[in-house]
C-alpha atoms as a PDB file:
ATOM      1  CA  MET A   1       0.000   0.000   0.000  1.00  0.00           C
ATOM      2  CA  SER A   2       1.517   3.361  -1.013  1.00  0.00           C
ATOM      3  CA  LYS A   3       1.758   6.316   1.312  1.00  0.00           C
ATOM      4  CA  SER A   4      -0.546   9.188   0.373  1.00  0.00           C
ATOM      5  CA  PHE A   5       0.848  12.667  -0.141  1.00  0.00           C
ATOM      6  CA  SER A   6       0.129  15.404   2.361  1.00  0.00           C
ATOM      7  CA  TYR A   7       1.360  18.986   2.460  1.00  0.00           C
ATOM      8  CA  PRO A   8       3.370  20.036   5.496  1.00  0.00           C
ATOM      9  CA  GLU A   9       1.243  21.386   8.351  1.00  0.00           C
ATOM     10  CA  ALA A  10       2.680  24.917   7.942  1.00  0.00           C
ATOM     11  CA  ASP A  11       1.557  24.964   4.286  1.00  0.00           C
ATOM     12  CA  LYS A  12      -1.939  23.806   5.217  1.00  0.00           C
ATOM     13  CA  LYS A  13      -2.218  26.507   7.890  1.00  0.00           C
ATOM     14  CA  ALA A  14      -1.078  29.157   5.401  1.00  0.00           C
ATOM     15  CA  ILE A  15      -3.729  28.096   2.877  1.00  0.00           C
ATOM     16  CA  TYR A  16      -6.503  28.158   5.472  1.00  0.00           C
ATOM     17  CA  ARG A  17      -5.286  31.552   6.732  1.00  0.00           C
ATOM     18  CA  VAL A  18      -5.416  32.985   3.210  1.00  0.00           C
ATOM     19  CA  MET A  19      -8.960  31.644   2.713  1.00  0.00           C
ATOM     20  CA  ALA A  20     -10.111  33.005   6.092  1.00  0.00           C
ATOM     21  CA  GLU A  21      -8.608  36.447   5.487  1.00  0.00           C
ATOM     22  CA  ARG A  22      -9.841  36.964   1.932  1.00  0.00           C
ATOM     23  CA  ARG A  23     -11.940  40.077   1.546  1.00  0.00           C
ATOM     24  CA  ASP A  24     -13.935  41.787  -1.144  1.00  0.00           C
ATOM     25  CA  MET A  25     -12.181  44.820  -2.536  1.00  0.00           C
ATOM     26  CA  ARG A  26     -14.009  48.050  -1.761  1.00  0.00           C
ATOM     27  CA  HIS A  27     -11.337  50.669  -2.336  1.00  0.00           C
ATOM     28  CA  PHE A  28      -9.246  51.142  -5.442  1.00  0.00           C
ATOM     29  CA  ASN A  29      -6.389  53.524  -6.124  1.00  0.00           C
ATOM     30  CA  GLY A  30      -7.062  53.750  -9.876  1.00  0.00           C
ATOM     31  CA  GLN A  31      -3.353  53.433 -10.645  1.00  0.00           C
ATOM     32  CA  PRO A  32      -2.314  51.452 -13.723  1.00  0.00           C
ATOM     33  CA  LEU A  33      -1.703  47.784 -13.075  1.00  0.00           C
ATOM     34  CA  GLU A  34       1.920  46.745 -13.461  1.00  0.00           C
ATOM     35  CA  GLU A  35       2.413  44.179 -16.207  1.00  0.00           C
ATOM     36  CA  THR A  36       4.294  41.863 -13.826  1.00  0.00           C
ATOM     37  CA  THR A  37       1.365  41.985 -11.392  1.00  0.00           C
ATOM     38  CA  LEU A  38      -1.095  41.208 -14.168  1.00  0.00           C
ATOM     39  CA  GLY A  39       1.137  38.335 -15.256  1.00  0.00           C
ATOM     40  CA  ARG A  40       1.070  36.847 -11.736  1.00  0.00           C
ATOM     41  CA  ILE A  41      -2.714  37.237 -11.531  1.00  0.00           C
ATOM     42  CA  LEU A  42      -3.266  35.497 -14.869  1.00  0.00           C
ATOM     43  CA  ALA A  43      -0.736  32.767 -14.048  1.00  0.00           C
ATOM     44  CA  ALA A  44      -2.630  32.067 -10.811  1.00  0.00           C
ATOM     45  CA  ALA A  45      -5.953  32.077 -12.686  1.00  0.00           C
ATOM     46  CA  HIS A  46      -4.619  29.488 -15.109  1.00  0.00           C
ATOM     47  CA  LEU A  47      -3.978  27.178 -12.147  1.00  0.00           C
ATOM     48  CA  ALA A  48      -7.723  26.894 -11.538  1.00  0.00           C
ATOM     49  CA  PRO A  49      -9.004  23.370 -12.053  1.00  0.00           C
ATOM     50  CA  SER A  50     -10.847  22.444 -15.218  1.00  0.00           C
ATOM     51  CA  VAL A  51     -12.042  19.124 -16.583  1.00  0.00           C
ATOM     52  CA  GLY A  52      -9.183  17.510 -18.451  1.00  0.00           C
ATOM     53  CA  LEU A  53      -7.109  20.626 -17.819  1.00  0.00           C
ATOM     54  CA  MET A  54      -8.819  22.155 -20.856  1.00  0.00           C
ATOM     55  CA  GLN A  55      -8.885  25.655 -19.337  1.00  0.00           C
ATOM     56  CA  PRO A  56     -11.690  26.792 -21.637  1.00  0.00           C
ATOM     57  CA  TRP A  57     -11.784  30.339 -20.265  1.00  0.00           C
ATOM     58  CA  ARG A  58     -10.510  33.444 -21.925  1.00  0.00           C
ATOM     59  CA  PHE A  59      -9.525  36.625 -20.115  1.00  0.00           C
ATOM     60  CA  ILE A  60     -10.628  40.010 -21.384  1.00  0.00           C
ATOM     61  CA  ARG A  61      -8.725  43.033 -20.142  1.00  0.00           C
ATOM     62  CA  ILE A  62     -10.771  46.235 -19.974  1.00  0.00           C
ATOM     63  CA  LYS A  63      -9.065  49.559 -19.310  1.00  0.00           C
ATOM     64  CA  ASN A  64     -11.339  51.859 -21.327  1.00  0.00           C
ATOM     65  CA  TYR A  65     -13.536  54.009 -19.061  1.00  0.00           C
ATOM     66  CA  ASP A  66     -16.486  54.075 -21.489  1.00  0.00           C
ATOM     67  CA  ILE A  67     -16.599  50.275 -21.569  1.00  0.00           C
ATOM     68  CA  LYS A  68     -16.274  50.107 -17.764  1.00  0.00           C
ATOM     69  CA  HIS A  69     -19.134  52.623 -17.497  1.00  0.00           C
ATOM     70  CA  SER A  70     -21.330  50.434 -19.737  1.00  0.00           C
ATOM     71  CA  ILE A  71     -20.519  47.420 -17.555  1.00  0.00           C
ATOM     72  CA  HIS A  72     -21.339  49.451 -14.444  1.00  0.00           C
ATOM     73  CA  LEU A  73     -24.775  50.350 -15.817  1.00  0.00           C
ATOM     74  CA  LEU A  74     -25.495  46.727 -16.705  1.00  0.00           C
ATOM     75  CA  VAL A  75     -24.342  45.409 -13.313  1.00  0.00           C
ATOM     76  CA  ASP A  76     -26.356  48.054 -11.464  1.00  0.00           C
ATOM     77  CA  LYS A  77     -29.471  47.154 -13.457  1.00  0.00           C
ATOM     78  CA  GLU A  78     -29.015  43.461 -12.625  1.00  0.00           C
ATOM     79  CA  ARG A  79     -28.346  44.345  -8.966  1.00  0.00           C
ATOM     80  CA  LYS A  80     -31.751  46.062  -8.812  1.00  0.00           C
ATOM     81  CA  PHE A  81     -33.508  43.074 -10.459  1.00  0.00           C
ATOM     82  CA  THR A  82     -31.870  40.697  -7.984  1.00  0.00           C
ATOM     83  CA  ALA A  83     -32.841  42.935  -5.050  1.00  0.00           C
ATOM     84  CA  GLN A  84     -36.487  42.895  -6.133  1.00  0.00           C
ATOM     85  CA  ALA A  85     -36.426  39.114  -6.299  1.00  0.00           C
ATOM     86  CA  LEU A  86     -35.130  38.892  -2.721  1.00  0.00           C
ATOM     87  CA  GLY A  87     -38.313  40.291  -1.197  1.00  0.00           C
ATOM     88  CA  GLU A  88     -37.694  41.270   2.423  1.00  0.00           C
ATOM     89  CA  ARG A  89     -33.910  41.259   1.899  1.00  0.00           C
ATOM     90  CA  GLU A  90     -34.185  43.811  -0.937  1.00  0.00           C
ATOM     91  CA  GLN A  91     -32.977  46.851   1.022  1.00  0.00           C
ATOM     92  CA  ASP A  92     -29.978  45.014   2.462  1.00  0.00           C
ATOM     93  CA  PHE A  93     -28.959  43.854  -0.988  1.00  0.00           C
ATOM     94  CA  LEU A  94     -29.315  47.368  -2.444  1.00  0.00           C
ATOM     95  CA  LYS A  95     -26.652  48.561   0.001  1.00  0.00           C
ATOM     96  CA  LEU A  96     -24.127  46.617  -2.055  1.00  0.00           C
ATOM     97  CA  LYS A  97     -22.303  49.007  -4.332  1.00  0.00           C
ATOM     98  CA  VAL A  98     -20.871  48.393  -7.778  1.00  0.00           C
ATOM     99  CA  GLU A  99     -18.846  51.603  -8.080  1.00  0.00           C
ATOM    100  CA  GLY A 100     -15.605  49.628  -7.917  1.00  0.00           C
ATOM    101  CA  ILE A 101     -16.013  48.934 -11.621  1.00  0.00           C
ATOM    102  CA  LEU A 102     -15.563  52.659 -12.255  1.00  0.00           C
ATOM    103  CA  GLN A 103     -12.887  53.245  -9.615  1.00  0.00           C
ATOM    104  CA  CYS A 104     -10.488  50.428 -10.462  1.00  0.00           C
ATOM    105  CA  SER A 105      -7.760  50.887 -13.037  1.00  0.00           C
ATOM    106  CA  GLU A 106      -8.945  47.953 -15.125  1.00  0.00           C
ATOM    107  CA  VAL A 107     -11.340  45.024 -15.153  1.00  0.00           C
ATOM    108  CA  ILE A 108     -10.361  41.445 -15.963  1.00  0.00           C
ATOM    109  CA  VAL A 109     -13.279  39.366 -17.209  1.00  0.00           C
ATOM    110  CA  ALA A 110     -13.103  35.578 -17.176  1.00  0.00           C
ATOM    111  CA  ALA A 111     -15.346  34.311 -19.947  1.00  0.00           C
ATOM    112  CA  LEU A 112     -16.109  31.178 -21.927  1.00  0.00           C
ATOM    113  CA  PRO A 113     -16.211  31.261 -25.697  1.00  0.00           C
ATOM    114  CA  ASP A 114     -19.602  30.629 -27.319  1.00  0.00           C
ATOM    115  CA  LYS A 115     -20.844  27.020 -27.316  1.00  0.00           C
ATOM    116  CA  ARG A 116     -18.596  25.997 -24.419  1.00  0.00           C
END
């Protein structure tokens, strides 16, 4: 019988700490994203599991303010529809803001090509 692999305890604790401390971003500095930072983000995203390691997603980088504004309007519209569907939780949900789309320096969209 072979011995199963296990990460060292310190590594496991670090992973759980990262998961426990993750937070939604609410404040953005609007500064351009360094290419090396973007590279690390996309490299990490490509590590996400996919069936057969097919990685069917594509990343779309949006820096244009007009496009970000259009996305903001769409997201805000959908936020209001979702709030209405929540009934008594509507007002709590409406407190969620989507201004980060306008305040951040760029938006990275993870998308699947058509028919996937």
